[in-house]
C-alpha atoms as a PDB file:
ATOM      1  CA  MET A   1     -86.881 -62.416  52.658  1.00  0.00           C
ATOM      2  CA  LYS A   2     -88.059 -64.133  49.492  1.00  0.00           C
ATOM      3  CA  LYS A   3     -87.803 -62.026  46.369  1.00  0.00           C
ATOM      4  CA  VAL A   4     -90.968 -61.990  44.257  1.00  0.00           C
ATOM      5  CA  ARG A   5     -90.694 -61.360  40.543  1.00  0.00           C
ATOM      6  CA  ARG A   6     -93.429 -59.077  39.289  1.00  0.00           C
ATOM      7  CA  GLN A   7     -94.480 -59.328  35.660  1.00  0.00           C
ATOM      8  CA  GLY A   8     -96.363 -56.046  35.484  1.00  0.00           C
ATOM      9  CA  LYS A   9     -98.539 -57.140  32.577  1.00  0.00           C
ATOM     10  CA  PHE A  10    -102.228 -57.768  32.381  1.00  0.00           C
ATOM     11  CA  SER A  11    -103.174 -61.194  31.142  1.00  0.00           C
ATOM     12  CA  LEU A  12    -105.276 -60.762  28.037  1.00  0.00           C
ATOM     13  CA  GLU A  13    -105.511 -64.459  27.278  1.00  0.00           C
ATOM     14  CA  LYS A  14    -108.323 -65.016  29.766  1.00  0.00           C
ATOM     15  CA  ASN A  15    -110.433 -62.163  28.422  1.00  0.00           C
ATOM     16  CA  SER A  16    -109.605 -62.301  24.740  1.00  0.00           C
ATOM     17  CA  THR A  17    -112.590 -64.242  23.444  1.00  0.00           C
ATOM     18  CA  ARG A  18    -115.844 -62.469  22.780  1.00  0.00           C
ATOM     19  CA  LYS A  19    -117.842 -65.141  24.588  1.00  0.00           C
ATOM     20  CA  ARG A  20    -115.839 -64.649  27.770  1.00  0.00           C
ATOM     21  CA  ARG A  21    -115.913 -60.865  27.421  1.00  0.00           C
ATOM     22  CA  MET A  22    -119.679 -60.783  26.999  1.00  0.00           C
ATOM     23  CA  SER A  23    -120.202 -62.801  30.180  1.00  0.00           C
ATOM     24  CA  HIS A  24    -118.869 -60.022  32.414  1.00  0.00           C
ATOM     25  CA  ILE A  25    -121.459 -58.168  34.463  1.00  0.00           C
ATOM     26  CA  ASN A  26    -120.995 -54.849  32.666  1.00  0.00           C
ATOM     27  CA  TYR A  27    -121.877 -56.429  29.324  1.00  0.00           C
ATOM     28  CA  LEU A  28    -124.757 -58.426  30.787  1.00  0.00           C
ATOM     29  CA  ARG A  29    -126.315 -55.328  32.366  1.00  0.00           C
ATOM     30  CA  SER A  30    -125.739 -53.263  29.235  1.00  0.00           C
ATOM     31  CA  ARG A  31    -127.398 -55.921  27.114  1.00  0.00           C
ATOM     32  CA  GLU A  32    -130.420 -55.899  29.454  1.00  0.00           C
ATOM     33  CA  VAL A  33    -130.676 -52.118  29.064  1.00  0.00           C
ATOM     34  CA  ALA A  34    -130.366 -52.348  25.272  1.00  0.00           C
ATOM     35  CA  GLU A  35    -132.999 -55.100  25.074  1.00  0.00           C
ATOM     36  CA  ALA A  36    -135.407 -52.873  27.025  1.00  0.00           C
ATOM     37  CA  GLY A  37    -135.379 -50.530  24.026  1.00  0.00           C
ATOM     38  CA  VAL A  38    -134.575 -47.365  25.953  1.00  0.00           C
ATOM     39  CA  ASP A  39    -132.697 -44.385  24.547  1.00  0.00           C
ATOM     40  CA  VAL A  40    -131.199 -43.275  27.876  1.00  0.00           C
ATOM     41  CA  VAL A  41    -130.333 -45.019  31.134  1.00  0.00           C
ATOM     42  CA  GLY A  42    -129.629 -43.000  34.260  1.00  0.00           C
ATOM     43  CA  THR A  43    -127.642 -43.787  37.358  1.00  0.00           C
ATOM     44  CA  ALA A  44    -126.510 -41.907  40.451  1.00  0.00           C
ATOM     45  CA  CYS A  45    -123.526 -44.217  40.968  1.00  0.00           C
ATOM     46  CA  PRO A  46    -120.251 -43.249  39.216  1.00  0.00           C
ATOM     47  CA  LEU A  47    -119.060 -46.860  39.245  1.00  0.00           C
ATOM     48  CA  CYS A  48    -122.301 -48.039  37.622  1.00  0.00           C
ATOM     49  CA  GLN A  49    -122.019 -45.291  35.015  1.00  0.00           C
ATOM     50  CA  THR A  50    -118.513 -46.421  34.084  1.00  0.00           C
ATOM     51  CA  MET A  51    -119.586 -50.066  34.051  1.00  0.00           C
ATOM     52  CA  LEU A  52    -122.549 -49.370  31.764  1.00  0.00           C
ATOM     53  CA  GLU A  53    -120.538 -47.134  29.417  1.00  0.00           C
ATOM     54  CA  ASP A  54    -117.888 -49.848  29.057  1.00  0.00           C
ATOM     55  CA  GLY A  55    -120.549 -52.471  28.467  1.00  0.00           C
ATOM     56  CA  MET A  56    -122.370 -50.413  25.844  1.00  0.00           C
ATOM     57  CA  GLY A  57    -119.131 -50.210  23.875  1.00  0.00           C
ATOM     58  CA  GLY A  58    -119.064 -53.994  23.567  1.00  0.00           C
ATOM     59  CA  LEU A  59    -122.610 -54.412  22.269  1.00  0.00           C
ATOM     60  CA  GLU A  60    -121.804 -53.560  18.651  1.00  0.00           C
ATOM     61  CA  MET A  61    -124.963 -51.489  18.289  1.00  0.00           C
ATOM     62  CA  GLU A  62    -125.342 -48.625  15.842  1.00  0.00           C
ATOM     63  CA  ASN A  63    -127.002 -46.392  18.458  1.00  0.00           C
ATOM     64  CA  PRO A  64    -126.552 -47.823  21.953  1.00  0.00           C
ATOM     65  CA  PRO A  65    -128.511 -46.260  24.820  1.00  0.00           C
ATOM     66  CA  ARG A  66    -126.883 -43.192  26.305  1.00  0.00           C
ATOM     67  CA  VAL A  67    -125.648 -43.581  29.890  1.00  0.00           C
ATOM     68  CA  MET A  68    -126.208 -40.467  31.989  1.00  0.00           C
ATOM     69  CA  ASP A  69    -125.656 -39.394  35.559  1.00  0.00           C
ATOM     70  CA  LEU A  70    -128.881 -38.559  37.383  1.00  0.00           C
ATOM     71  CA  ILE A  71    -127.833 -34.907  37.713  1.00  0.00           C
ATOM     72  CA  GLU A  72    -127.272 -34.720  33.941  1.00  0.00           C
ATOM     73  CA  MET A  73    -130.847 -35.911  33.466  1.00  0.00           C
ATOM     74  CA  VAL A  74    -132.151 -33.282  35.891  1.00  0.00           C
ATOM     75  CA  ASP A  75    -130.174 -30.600  34.034  1.00  0.00           C
ATOM     76  CA  LEU A  76    -131.694 -31.713  30.721  1.00  0.00           C
ATOM     77  CA  ALA A  77    -135.180 -31.629  32.232  1.00  0.00           C
ATOM     78  CA  MET A  78    -134.478 -28.058  33.344  1.00  0.00           C
ATOM     79  CA  GLY A  79    -133.471 -27.053  29.821  1.00  0.00           C
ATOM     80  CA  ARG A  80    -129.689 -27.270  30.083  1.00  0.00           C
ATOM     81  CA  THR A  81    -127.864 -29.182  27.372  1.00  0.00           C
ATOM     82  CA  TYR A  82    -124.711 -31.274  27.259  1.00  0.00           C
END
Protein backbone atom coordinates (compact mmCIF):
# COMPACT_ATOMS: atom_id res chain seq x y z
CA MET A 1 0.00 0.00 0.00
CA LYS A 2 1.34 3.42 -0.95
CA LYS A 3 1.78 5.80 1.94
CA VAL A 4 0.29 9.25 1.36
CA ARG A 5 1.75 12.22 3.18
CA ARG A 6 -0.92 14.57 4.44
CA GLN A 7 -0.04 18.22 4.94
CA GLY A 8 -3.04 19.14 7.05
CA LYS A 9 -2.88 22.82 6.15
CA PHE A 10 -5.24 24.97 4.18
CA SER A 11 -3.68 26.74 1.25
CA LEU A 12 -4.16 30.45 1.75
CA GLU A 13 -2.13 31.45 -1.28
CA LYS A 14 -5.02 30.85 -3.68
CA ASN A 15 -7.47 32.92 -1.66
CA SER A 16 -5.22 35.62 -0.28
CA THR A 17 -5.92 38.41 -2.75
CA ARG A 18 -8.98 40.57 -2.33
CA LYS A 19 -9.88 40.25 -6.00
CA ARG A 20 -9.98 36.47 -5.77
CA ARG A 21 -11.81 36.56 -2.44
CA MET A 22 -14.50 38.89 -3.76
CA SER A 23 -15.22 36.60 -6.71
CA HIS A 24 -16.58 33.82 -4.48
CA ILE A 25 -20.33 33.32 -4.58
CA ASN A 26 -20.91 34.39 -0.98
CA TYR A 27 -19.35 37.79 -1.64
CA LEU A 28 -21.11 38.19 -4.98
CA ARG A 29 -24.52 37.47 -3.44
CA SER A 30 -23.81 39.69 -0.45
CA ARG A 31 -22.80 42.53 -2.74
CA GLU A 32 -26.07 42.13 -4.67
CA VAL A 33 -28.02 42.35 -1.41
CA ALA A 34 -26.06 45.42 -0.29
CA GLU A 35 -26.55 47.15 -3.65
CA ALA A 36 -30.31 46.62 -3.32
CA GLY A 37 -30.21 49.00 -0.36
CA VAL A 38 -32.03 46.73 2.08
CA ASP A 39 -31.54 46.75 5.84
CA VAL A 40 -32.40 43.07 6.35
CA VAL A 41 -32.25 39.96 4.18
CA GLY A 42 -34.07 36.81 5.21
CA THR A 43 -33.50 33.18 4.36
CA ALA A 44 -34.92 29.84 5.46
CA CYS A 45 -31.73 27.99 4.52
CA PRO A 46 -29.03 27.69 7.22
CA LEU A 47 -26.31 27.28 4.59
CA CYS A 48 -27.45 30.43 2.78
CA GLN A 49 -27.53 32.32 6.08
CA THR A 50 -23.93 31.34 6.82
CA MET A 51 -22.87 32.17 3.26
CA LEU A 52 -24.47 35.62 3.38
CA GLU A 53 -23.10 36.41 6.86
CA ASP A 54 -19.59 35.50 5.71
CA GLY A 55 -20.00 37.57 2.57
CA MET A 56 -21.29 40.61 4.42
CA GLY A 57 -18.13 40.57 6.53
CA GLY A 58 -16.03 41.04 3.40
CA LEU A 59 -17.92 44.03 2.02
CA GLU A 60 -16.21 46.62 4.22
CA MET A 61 -19.48 48.46 4.83
CA GLU A 62 -20.18 50.55 7.91
CA ASN A 63 -23.67 49.06 8.33
CA PRO A 64 -24.09 45.95 6.19
CA PRO A 65 -27.57 44.44 5.84
CA ARG A 66 -28.54 42.13 8.66
CA VAL A 67 -28.94 38.46 7.70
CA MET A 68 -31.83 36.77 9.48
CA ASP A 69 -33.48 33.39 9.50
CA LEU A 70 -37.10 33.48 8.34
CA ILE A 71 -38.31 32.41 11.80
CA GLU A 72 -36.38 35.31 13.37
CA MET A 73 -38.25 37.66 11.06
CA VAL A 74 -41.59 36.12 12.02
CA ASP A 75 -40.69 36.49 15.71
CA LEU A 76 -39.85 40.17 15.18
CA ALA A 77 -43.15 40.71 13.37
CA MET A 78 -44.91 39.17 16.37
CA GLY A 79 -43.17 41.56 18.75
CA ARG A 80 -40.34 39.37 20.01
CA THR A 81 -36.84 40.83 19.96
CA TYR A 82 -33.37 39.41 19.47
